[in-house]
Protein backbone atom coordinates (compact mmCIF):
# COMPACT_ATOMS: atom_id res chain seq x y z
CA UNK A 1 0.00 0.00 0.00
CA UNK A 2 1.37 3.46 -0.83
CA UNK A 3 2.49 5.45 2.21
CA UNK A 4 0.04 8.28 1.50
CA UNK A 5 -2.95 5.88 1.82
CA UNK A 6 -1.86 4.78 5.27
CA UNK A 7 -2.16 8.39 6.49
CA UNK A 8 -5.84 8.78 5.46
CA UNK A 9 -8.08 8.36 8.50
CA UNK A 10 -10.94 5.86 8.19
CA UNK A 11 -14.35 7.24 7.29
CA UNK A 12 -16.72 7.32 10.23
CA UNK A 13 -20.46 7.60 9.77
CA UNK A 14 -21.89 10.56 11.59
CA UNK A 15 -25.61 10.15 12.29
CA UNK A 16 -27.72 12.79 10.61
CA UNK A 17 -29.54 15.12 12.97
CA UNK A 18 -33.27 14.45 13.16
CA UNK A 19 -35.40 16.41 10.71
CA UNK A 20 -39.09 17.33 10.90
CA UNK A 21 -41.36 17.09 7.86
CA UNK A 22 -45.01 16.57 6.91
CA UNK A 23 -46.13 12.95 6.73
CA UNK A 24 -47.06 11.39 3.40
CA UNK A 25 -49.18 8.37 2.50
CA UNK A 26 -46.01 6.28 2.22
CA UNK A 27 -45.26 6.98 5.91
CA UNK A 28 -48.59 5.90 7.40
CA UNK A 29 -47.87 2.23 8.09
CA UNK A 30 -44.52 2.96 9.75
CA UNK A 31 -46.03 5.81 11.78
CA UNK A 32 -48.95 3.66 12.95
CA UNK A 33 -46.49 0.97 14.06
CA UNK A 34 -44.43 3.63 15.83
CA UNK A 35 -47.56 4.76 17.75
CA UNK A 36 -48.17 1.22 19.01
CA UNK A 37 -44.51 0.67 20.00
CA UNK A 38 -44.52 3.95 21.87
CA UNK A 39 -47.81 3.16 23.64
CA UNK A 40 -46.41 -0.22 24.70
CA UNK A 41 -43.59 1.47 26.62
CA UNK A 42 -46.08 2.11 29.46
CA UNK A 43 -46.36 -1.64 30.06
CA UNK A 44 -49.73 -2.27 28.43
CA UNK A 45 -50.45 -5.88 27.47
CA UNK A 46 -51.28 -7.18 23.99
CA UNK A 47 -55.04 -7.14 24.66
CA UNK A 48 -54.94 -3.46 25.61
CA UNK A 49 -52.77 -2.57 22.62
CA UNK A 50 -55.06 -4.50 20.26
CA UNK A 51 -57.99 -2.44 21.58
CA UNK A 52 -56.02 0.75 20.82
CA UNK A 53 -54.89 -0.28 17.33
CA UNK A 54 -57.68 1.45 15.38
CA UNK A 55 -57.33 4.69 17.33
CA UNK A 56 -53.55 4.70 16.86
CA UNK A 57 -53.64 3.90 13.14
CA UNK A 58 -53.08 6.85 10.81
CA UNK A 59 -55.12 6.84 7.60
CA UNK A 60 -54.90 8.57 4.23
CA UNK A 61 -58.04 10.68 4.79
CA UNK A 62 -56.35 12.10 7.90
CA UNK A 63 -53.60 13.53 5.71
CA UNK A 64 -56.25 15.85 4.25
CA UNK A 65 -58.27 16.62 7.40
CA UNK A 66 -55.48 16.96 9.99
CA UNK A 67 -51.86 18.08 10.23
CA UNK A 68 -49.39 15.23 10.68
CA UNK A 69 -45.66 15.70 11.08
CA UNK A 70 -42.88 13.24 11.69
CA UNK A 71 -39.33 13.42 12.90
CA UNK A 72 -36.92 11.19 11.04
CA UNK A 73 -33.26 10.33 11.26
CA UNK A 74 -31.43 8.70 8.37
CA UNK A 75 -34.76 8.11 6.60
CA UNK A 76 -36.34 6.33 9.59
CA UNK A 77 -39.42 7.79 11.33
CA UNK A 78 -38.66 8.20 15.05
CA UNK A 79 -41.54 10.40 16.24
CA UNK A 80 -44.97 11.54 15.05
CA UNK A 81 -47.43 14.27 15.96
CA UNK A 82 -50.96 14.99 14.75
CA UNK A 83 -53.37 17.85 15.37
CA UNK A 84 -56.84 18.75 14.17
CA UNK A 85 -58.10 22.34 14.36
CA UNK A 86 -61.84 22.98 14.61
CA UNK A 87 -63.55 26.23 15.64
CA UNK A 88 -60.41 27.77 17.13
CA UNK A 89 -59.43 24.67 19.11
CA UNK A 90 -56.45 22.51 18.22
CA UNK A 91 -56.81 18.91 19.39
CA UNK A 92 -53.52 17.09 19.86
CA UNK A 93 -54.52 13.71 18.52
CA UNK A 94 -51.15 11.95 18.59
CA UNK A 95 -47.67 12.58 19.89
CA UNK A 96 -45.50 9.48 20.00
CA UNK A 97 -41.74 8.90 20.12
CA UNK A 98 -40.03 5.62 19.27
CA UNK A 99 -38.96 3.98 22.55
CA UNK A 100 -35.33 3.78 21.37
CA UNK A 101 -35.32 7.58 20.88
CA UNK A 102 -37.05 8.69 24.09
CA UNK A 103 -35.30 11.19 26.34
CA UNK A 104 -33.69 13.15 23.50
CA UNK A 105 -36.13 16.06 23.30
CA UNK A 106 -38.11 14.76 20.32
CA UNK A 107 -41.43 14.91 22.20
CA UNK A 108 -40.80 18.54 23.14
CA UNK A 109 -39.81 19.30 19.54
CA UNK A 110 -43.03 17.79 18.20
CA UNK A 111 -45.07 19.55 20.88
CA UNK A 112 -43.54 22.86 19.78
CA UNK A 113 -44.50 21.98 16.19
CA UNK A 114 -48.08 21.21 17.32
CA UNK A 115 -48.34 24.56 19.12
CA UNK A 116 -46.95 26.50 16.14
CA UNK A 117 -49.14 24.58 13.66
CA UNK A 118 -52.24 25.13 15.79
CA UNK A 119 -51.51 28.87 15.94
CA UNK A 120 -50.87 28.97 12.19
CA UNK A 121 -54.26 27.37 11.62
CA UNK A 122 -55.99 29.93 13.85
CA UNK A 123 -56.41 27.98 17.09
CA UNK A 124 -56.56 29.90 20.36
CA UNK A 125 -56.13 26.86 22.58
CA UNK A 126 -55.01 23.24 22.42
CA UNK A 127 -56.72 20.31 24.09
CA UNK A 128 -54.97 17.05 24.90
CA UNK A 129 -56.52 13.74 25.92
CA UNK A 130 -53.39 12.26 27.48
CA UNK A 131 -52.39 8.79 28.46
CA UNK A 132 -52.18 8.97 32.27
CA UNK A 133 -48.45 8.17 32.07
CA UNK A 134 -47.88 11.11 29.68
CA UNK A 135 -49.79 13.70 31.75
CA UNK A 136 -46.63 14.93 33.50
CA UNK A 137 -44.94 15.55 30.12
CA UNK A 138 -47.81 17.78 28.96
CA UNK A 139 -47.82 19.60 32.29
CA UNK A 140 -44.09 20.32 31.81
CA UNK A 141 -44.98 21.71 28.38
CA UNK A 142 -47.31 24.21 30.07
CA UNK A 143 -50.70 22.49 29.76
CA UNK A 144 -53.00 22.18 32.75
CA UNK A 145 -55.65 19.61 33.61
CA UNK A 146 -59.22 20.77 32.97
CA UNK A 147 -61.05 17.48 33.49
CA UNK A 148 -61.34 13.96 32.14
CA UNK A 149 -62.30 12.46 28.78
CA UNK A 150 -63.52 8.96 27.92
CA UNK A 151 -61.01 6.74 26.16
CA UNK A 152 -61.74 6.22 22.49
CA UNK A 153 -60.44 2.66 22.74
CA UNK A 154 -61.21 1.19 26.16
CA UNK A 155 -64.82 1.38 27.41
CA UNK A 156 -65.04 2.78 30.94
CA UNK A 157 -61.49 4.13 30.94
CA UNK A 158 -61.02 7.87 31.44
CA UNK A 159 -58.05 9.98 30.43
CA UNK A 160 -56.74 13.27 31.78
CA UNK A 161 -57.96 16.17 29.64
CA UNK A 162 -55.48 19.03 29.46
CA UNK A 163 -55.51 22.45 27.83
CA UNK A 164 -52.89 24.93 26.72
CA UNK A 165 -53.58 28.54 25.70
CA UNK A 166 -52.13 29.35 22.28
CA UNK A 167 -52.66 33.12 22.54
C-alpha atoms as a PDB file:
ATOM      1  CA  UNK A   1       0.000   0.000   0.000  1.00  0.00           C
ATOM      2  CA  UNK A   2       1.367   3.458  -0.832  1.00  0.00           C
ATOM      3  CA  UNK A   3       2.494   5.446   2.213  1.00  0.00           C
ATOM      4  CA  UNK A   4       0.044   8.280   1.496  1.00  0.00           C
ATOM      5  CA  UNK A   5      -2.950   5.878   1.816  1.00  0.00           C
ATOM      6  CA  UNK A   6      -1.857   4.780   5.275  1.00  0.00           C
ATOM      7  CA  UNK A   7      -2.159   8.386   6.486  1.00  0.00           C
ATOM      8  CA  UNK A   8      -5.844   8.777   5.463  1.00  0.00           C
ATOM      9  CA  UNK A   9      -8.082   8.357   8.499  1.00  0.00           C
ATOM     10  CA  UNK A  10     -10.940   5.865   8.186  1.00  0.00           C
ATOM     11  CA  UNK A  11     -14.354   7.240   7.290  1.00  0.00           C
ATOM     12  CA  UNK A  12     -16.723   7.323  10.229  1.00  0.00           C
ATOM     13  CA  UNK A  13     -20.464   7.602   9.774  1.00  0.00           C
ATOM     14  CA  UNK A  14     -21.888  10.556  11.591  1.00  0.00           C
ATOM     15  CA  UNK A  15     -25.606  10.152  12.285  1.00  0.00           C
ATOM     16  CA  UNK A  16     -27.716  12.790  10.612  1.00  0.00           C
ATOM     17  CA  UNK A  17     -29.539  15.120  12.974  1.00  0.00           C
ATOM     18  CA  UNK A  18     -33.271  14.455  13.162  1.00  0.00           C
ATOM     19  CA  UNK A  19     -35.398  16.411  10.709  1.00  0.00           C
ATOM     20  CA  UNK A  20     -39.088  17.325  10.898  1.00  0.00           C
ATOM     21  CA  UNK A  21     -41.359  17.089   7.860  1.00  0.00           C
ATOM     22  CA  UNK A  22     -45.010  16.565   6.907  1.00  0.00           C
ATOM     23  CA  UNK A  23     -46.135  12.950   6.730  1.00  0.00           C
ATOM     24  CA  UNK A  24     -47.058  11.386   3.396  1.00  0.00           C
ATOM     25  CA  UNK A  25     -49.184   8.367   2.498  1.00  0.00           C
ATOM     26  CA  UNK A  26     -46.006   6.275   2.222  1.00  0.00           C
ATOM     27  CA  UNK A  27     -45.259   6.977   5.911  1.00  0.00           C
ATOM     28  CA  UNK A  28     -48.590   5.900   7.396  1.00  0.00           C
ATOM     29  CA  UNK A  29     -47.871   2.225   8.090  1.00  0.00           C
ATOM     30  CA  UNK A  30     -44.524   2.955   9.746  1.00  0.00           C
ATOM     31  CA  UNK A  31     -46.030   5.811  11.776  1.00  0.00           C
ATOM     32  CA  UNK A  32     -48.946   3.659  12.951  1.00  0.00           C
ATOM     33  CA  UNK A  33     -46.486   0.966  14.061  1.00  0.00           C
ATOM     34  CA  UNK A  34     -44.428   3.626  15.828  1.00  0.00           C
ATOM     35  CA  UNK A  35     -47.559   4.763  17.751  1.00  0.00           C
ATOM     36  CA  UNK A  36     -48.168   1.223  19.010  1.00  0.00           C
ATOM     37  CA  UNK A  37     -44.510   0.669  19.996  1.00  0.00           C
ATOM     38  CA  UNK A  38     -44.521   3.945  21.866  1.00  0.00           C
ATOM     39  CA  UNK A  39     -47.810   3.164  23.638  1.00  0.00           C
ATOM     40  CA  UNK A  40     -46.410  -0.220  24.701  1.00  0.00           C
ATOM     41  CA  UNK A  41     -43.595   1.468  26.620  1.00  0.00           C
ATOM     42  CA  UNK A  42     -46.076   2.112  29.464  1.00  0.00           C
ATOM     43  CA  UNK A  43     -46.363  -1.643  30.064  1.00  0.00           C
ATOM     44  CA  UNK A  44     -49.733  -2.266  28.432  1.00  0.00           C
ATOM     45  CA  UNK A  45     -50.449  -5.879  27.467  1.00  0.00           C
ATOM     46  CA  UNK A  46     -51.282  -7.182  23.990  1.00  0.00           C
ATOM     47  CA  UNK A  47     -55.043  -7.142  24.662  1.00  0.00           C
ATOM     48  CA  UNK A  48     -54.936  -3.459  25.612  1.00  0.00           C
ATOM     49  CA  UNK A  49     -52.771  -2.568  22.618  1.00  0.00           C
ATOM     50  CA  UNK A  50     -55.057  -4.499  20.255  1.00  0.00           C
ATOM     51  CA  UNK A  51     -57.992  -2.438  21.579  1.00  0.00           C
ATOM     52  CA  UNK A  52     -56.023   0.753  20.821  1.00  0.00           C
ATOM     53  CA  UNK A  53     -54.890  -0.282  17.333  1.00  0.00           C
ATOM     54  CA  UNK A  54     -57.683   1.446  15.381  1.00  0.00           C
ATOM     55  CA  UNK A  55     -57.333   4.694  17.329  1.00  0.00           C
ATOM     56  CA  UNK A  56     -53.553   4.701  16.862  1.00  0.00           C
ATOM     57  CA  UNK A  57     -53.644   3.901  13.135  1.00  0.00           C
ATOM     58  CA  UNK A  58     -53.082   6.852  10.813  1.00  0.00           C
ATOM     59  CA  UNK A  59     -55.115   6.839   7.596  1.00  0.00           C
ATOM     60  CA  UNK A  60     -54.895   8.572   4.228  1.00  0.00           C
ATOM     61  CA  UNK A  61     -58.043  10.683   4.794  1.00  0.00           C
ATOM     62  CA  UNK A  62     -56.352  12.096   7.904  1.00  0.00           C
ATOM     63  CA  UNK A  63     -53.599  13.531   5.706  1.00  0.00           C
ATOM     64  CA  UNK A  64     -56.252  15.853   4.251  1.00  0.00           C
ATOM     65  CA  UNK A  65     -58.269  16.616   7.400  1.00  0.00           C
ATOM     66  CA  UNK A  66     -55.479  16.959   9.987  1.00  0.00           C
ATOM     67  CA  UNK A  67     -51.863  18.082  10.230  1.00  0.00           C
ATOM     68  CA  UNK A  68     -49.393  15.229  10.676  1.00  0.00           C
ATOM     69  CA  UNK A  69     -45.656  15.698  11.079  1.00  0.00           C
ATOM     70  CA  UNK A  70     -42.877  13.245  11.690  1.00  0.00           C
ATOM     71  CA  UNK A  71     -39.333  13.416  12.901  1.00  0.00           C
ATOM     72  CA  UNK A  72     -36.918  11.188  11.044  1.00  0.00           C
ATOM     73  CA  UNK A  73     -33.262  10.330  11.264  1.00  0.00           C
ATOM     74  CA  UNK A  74     -31.426   8.696   8.375  1.00  0.00           C
ATOM     75  CA  UNK A  75     -34.756   8.108   6.605  1.00  0.00           C
ATOM     76  CA  UNK A  76     -36.345   6.325   9.591  1.00  0.00           C
ATOM     77  CA  UNK A  77     -39.418   7.789  11.334  1.00  0.00           C
ATOM     78  CA  UNK A  78     -38.659   8.204  15.047  1.00  0.00           C
ATOM     79  CA  UNK A  79     -41.543  10.400  16.237  1.00  0.00           C
ATOM     80  CA  UNK A  80     -44.969  11.542  15.049  1.00  0.00           C
ATOM     81  CA  UNK A  81     -47.425  14.271  15.957  1.00  0.00           C
ATOM     82  CA  UNK A  82     -50.958  14.988  14.747  1.00  0.00           C
ATOM     83  CA  UNK A  83     -53.367  17.852  15.367  1.00  0.00           C
ATOM     84  CA  UNK A  84     -56.836  18.754  14.167  1.00  0.00           C
ATOM     85  CA  UNK A  85     -58.099  22.342  14.356  1.00  0.00           C
ATOM     86  CA  UNK A  86     -61.842  22.977  14.607  1.00  0.00           C
ATOM     87  CA  UNK A  87     -63.551  26.234  15.644  1.00  0.00           C
ATOM     88  CA  UNK A  88     -60.414  27.775  17.127  1.00  0.00           C
ATOM     89  CA  UNK A  89     -59.432  24.666  19.106  1.00  0.00           C
ATOM     90  CA  UNK A  90     -56.448  22.506  18.223  1.00  0.00           C
ATOM     91  CA  UNK A  91     -56.806  18.909  19.392  1.00  0.00           C
ATOM     92  CA  UNK A  92     -53.515  17.094  19.858  1.00  0.00           C
ATOM     93  CA  UNK A  93     -54.523  13.708  18.518  1.00  0.00           C
ATOM     94  CA  UNK A  94     -51.152  11.951  18.590  1.00  0.00           C
ATOM     95  CA  UNK A  95     -47.666  12.582  19.894  1.00  0.00           C
ATOM     96  CA  UNK A  96     -45.498   9.483  19.997  1.00  0.00           C
ATOM     97  CA  UNK A  97     -41.735   8.901  20.121  1.00  0.00           C
ATOM     98  CA  UNK A  98     -40.034   5.623  19.268  1.00  0.00           C
ATOM     99  CA  UNK A  99     -38.960   3.983  22.554  1.00  0.00           C
ATOM    100  CA  UNK A 100     -35.332   3.782  21.374  1.00  0.00           C
ATOM    101  CA  UNK A 101     -35.320   7.578  20.877  1.00  0.00           C
ATOM    102  CA  UNK A 102     -37.047   8.694  24.090  1.00  0.00           C
ATOM    103  CA  UNK A 103     -35.303  11.189  26.344  1.00  0.00           C
ATOM    104  CA  UNK A 104     -33.694  13.146  23.497  1.00  0.00           C
ATOM    105  CA  UNK A 105     -36.132  16.057  23.305  1.00  0.00           C
ATOM    106  CA  UNK A 106     -38.112  14.758  20.322  1.00  0.00           C
ATOM    107  CA  UNK A 107     -41.425  14.915  22.196  1.00  0.00           C
ATOM    108  CA  UNK A 108     -40.796  18.541  23.143  1.00  0.00           C
ATOM    109  CA  UNK A 109     -39.808  19.304  19.542  1.00  0.00           C
ATOM    110  CA  UNK A 110     -43.031  17.791  18.198  1.00  0.00           C
ATOM    111  CA  UNK A 111     -45.067  19.550  20.880  1.00  0.00           C
ATOM    112  CA  UNK A 112     -43.536  22.859  19.776  1.00  0.00           C
ATOM    113  CA  UNK A 113     -44.501  21.975  16.189  1.00  0.00           C
ATOM    114  CA  UNK A 114     -48.077  21.207  17.324  1.00  0.00           C
ATOM    115  CA  UNK A 115     -48.338  24.558  19.123  1.00  0.00           C
ATOM    116  CA  UNK A 116     -46.951  26.498  16.144  1.00  0.00           C
ATOM    117  CA  UNK A 117     -49.137  24.583  13.665  1.00  0.00           C
ATOM    118  CA  UNK A 118     -52.237  25.135  15.785  1.00  0.00           C
ATOM    119  CA  UNK A 119     -51.510  28.871  15.938  1.00  0.00           C
ATOM    120  CA  UNK A 120     -50.869  28.966  12.191  1.00  0.00           C
ATOM    121  CA  UNK A 121     -54.262  27.370  11.623  1.00  0.00           C
ATOM    122  CA  UNK A 122     -55.993  29.927  13.852  1.00  0.00           C
ATOM    123  CA  UNK A 123     -56.415  27.976  17.095  1.00  0.00           C
ATOM    124  CA  UNK A 124     -56.557  29.897  20.355  1.00  0.00           C
ATOM    125  CA  UNK A 125     -56.132  26.858  22.581  1.00  0.00           C
ATOM    126  CA  UNK A 126     -55.007  23.244  22.415  1.00  0.00           C
ATOM    127  CA  UNK A 127     -56.723  20.306  24.093  1.00  0.00           C
ATOM    128  CA  UNK A 128     -54.968  17.051  24.902  1.00  0.00           C
ATOM    129  CA  UNK A 129     -56.517  13.743  25.923  1.00  0.00           C
ATOM    130  CA  UNK A 130     -53.389  12.264  27.478  1.00  0.00           C
ATOM    131  CA  UNK A 131     -52.386   8.794  28.460  1.00  0.00           C
ATOM    132  CA  UNK A 132     -52.180   8.968  32.272  1.00  0.00           C
ATOM    133  CA  UNK A 133     -48.454   8.169  32.074  1.00  0.00           C
ATOM    134  CA  UNK A 134     -47.878  11.109  29.677  1.00  0.00           C
ATOM    135  CA  UNK A 135     -49.793  13.699  31.747  1.00  0.00           C
ATOM    136  CA  UNK A 136     -46.631  14.928  33.499  1.00  0.00           C
ATOM    137  CA  UNK A 137     -44.944  15.549  30.115  1.00  0.00           C
ATOM    138  CA  UNK A 138     -47.806  17.781  28.965  1.00  0.00           C
ATOM    139  CA  UNK A 139     -47.819  19.600  32.288  1.00  0.00           C
ATOM    140  CA  UNK A 140     -44.092  20.317  31.814  1.00  0.00           C
ATOM    141  CA  UNK A 141     -44.977  21.706  28.380  1.00  0.00           C
ATOM    142  CA  UNK A 142     -47.309  24.211  30.067  1.00  0.00           C
ATOM    143  CA  UNK A 143     -50.702  22.488  29.755  1.00  0.00           C
ATOM    144  CA  UNK A 144     -52.999  22.182  32.751  1.00  0.00           C
ATOM    145  CA  UNK A 145     -55.654  19.608  33.614  1.00  0.00           C
ATOM    146  CA  UNK A 146     -59.222  20.772  32.967  1.00  0.00           C
ATOM    147  CA  UNK A 147     -61.051  17.476  33.485  1.00  0.00           C
ATOM    148  CA  UNK A 148     -61.338  13.955  32.138  1.00  0.00           C
ATOM    149  CA  UNK A 149     -62.298  12.461  28.784  1.00  0.00           C
ATOM    150  CA  UNK A 150     -63.518   8.965  27.924  1.00  0.00           C
ATOM    151  CA  UNK A 151     -61.007   6.741  26.164  1.00  0.00           C
ATOM    152  CA  UNK A 152     -61.740   6.223  22.495  1.00  0.00           C
ATOM    153  CA  UNK A 153     -60.439   2.656  22.736  1.00  0.00           C
ATOM    154  CA  UNK A 154     -61.205   1.195  26.160  1.00  0.00           C
ATOM    155  CA  UNK A 155     -64.817   1.383  27.407  1.00  0.00           C
ATOM    156  CA  UNK A 156     -65.040   2.784  30.936  1.00  0.00           C
ATOM    157  CA  UNK A 157     -61.486   4.132  30.938  1.00  0.00           C
ATOM    158  CA  UNK A 158     -61.021   7.868  31.436  1.00  0.00           C
ATOM    159  CA  UNK A 159     -58.047   9.980  30.428  1.00  0.00           C
ATOM    160  CA  UNK A 160     -56.737  13.271  31.778  1.00  0.00           C
ATOM    161  CA  UNK A 161     -57.959  16.174  29.642  1.00  0.00           C
ATOM    162  CA  UNK A 162     -55.478  19.030  29.464  1.00  0.00           C
ATOM    163  CA  UNK A 163     -55.514  22.448  27.834  1.00  0.00           C
ATOM    164  CA  UNK A 164     -52.888  24.928  26.720  1.00  0.00           C
ATOM    165  CA  UNK A 165     -53.585  28.535  25.702  1.00  0.00           C
ATOM    166  CA  UNK A 166     -52.130  29.354  22.280  1.00  0.00           C
ATOM    167  CA  UNK A 167     -52.657  33.116  22.536  1.00  0.00           C
END
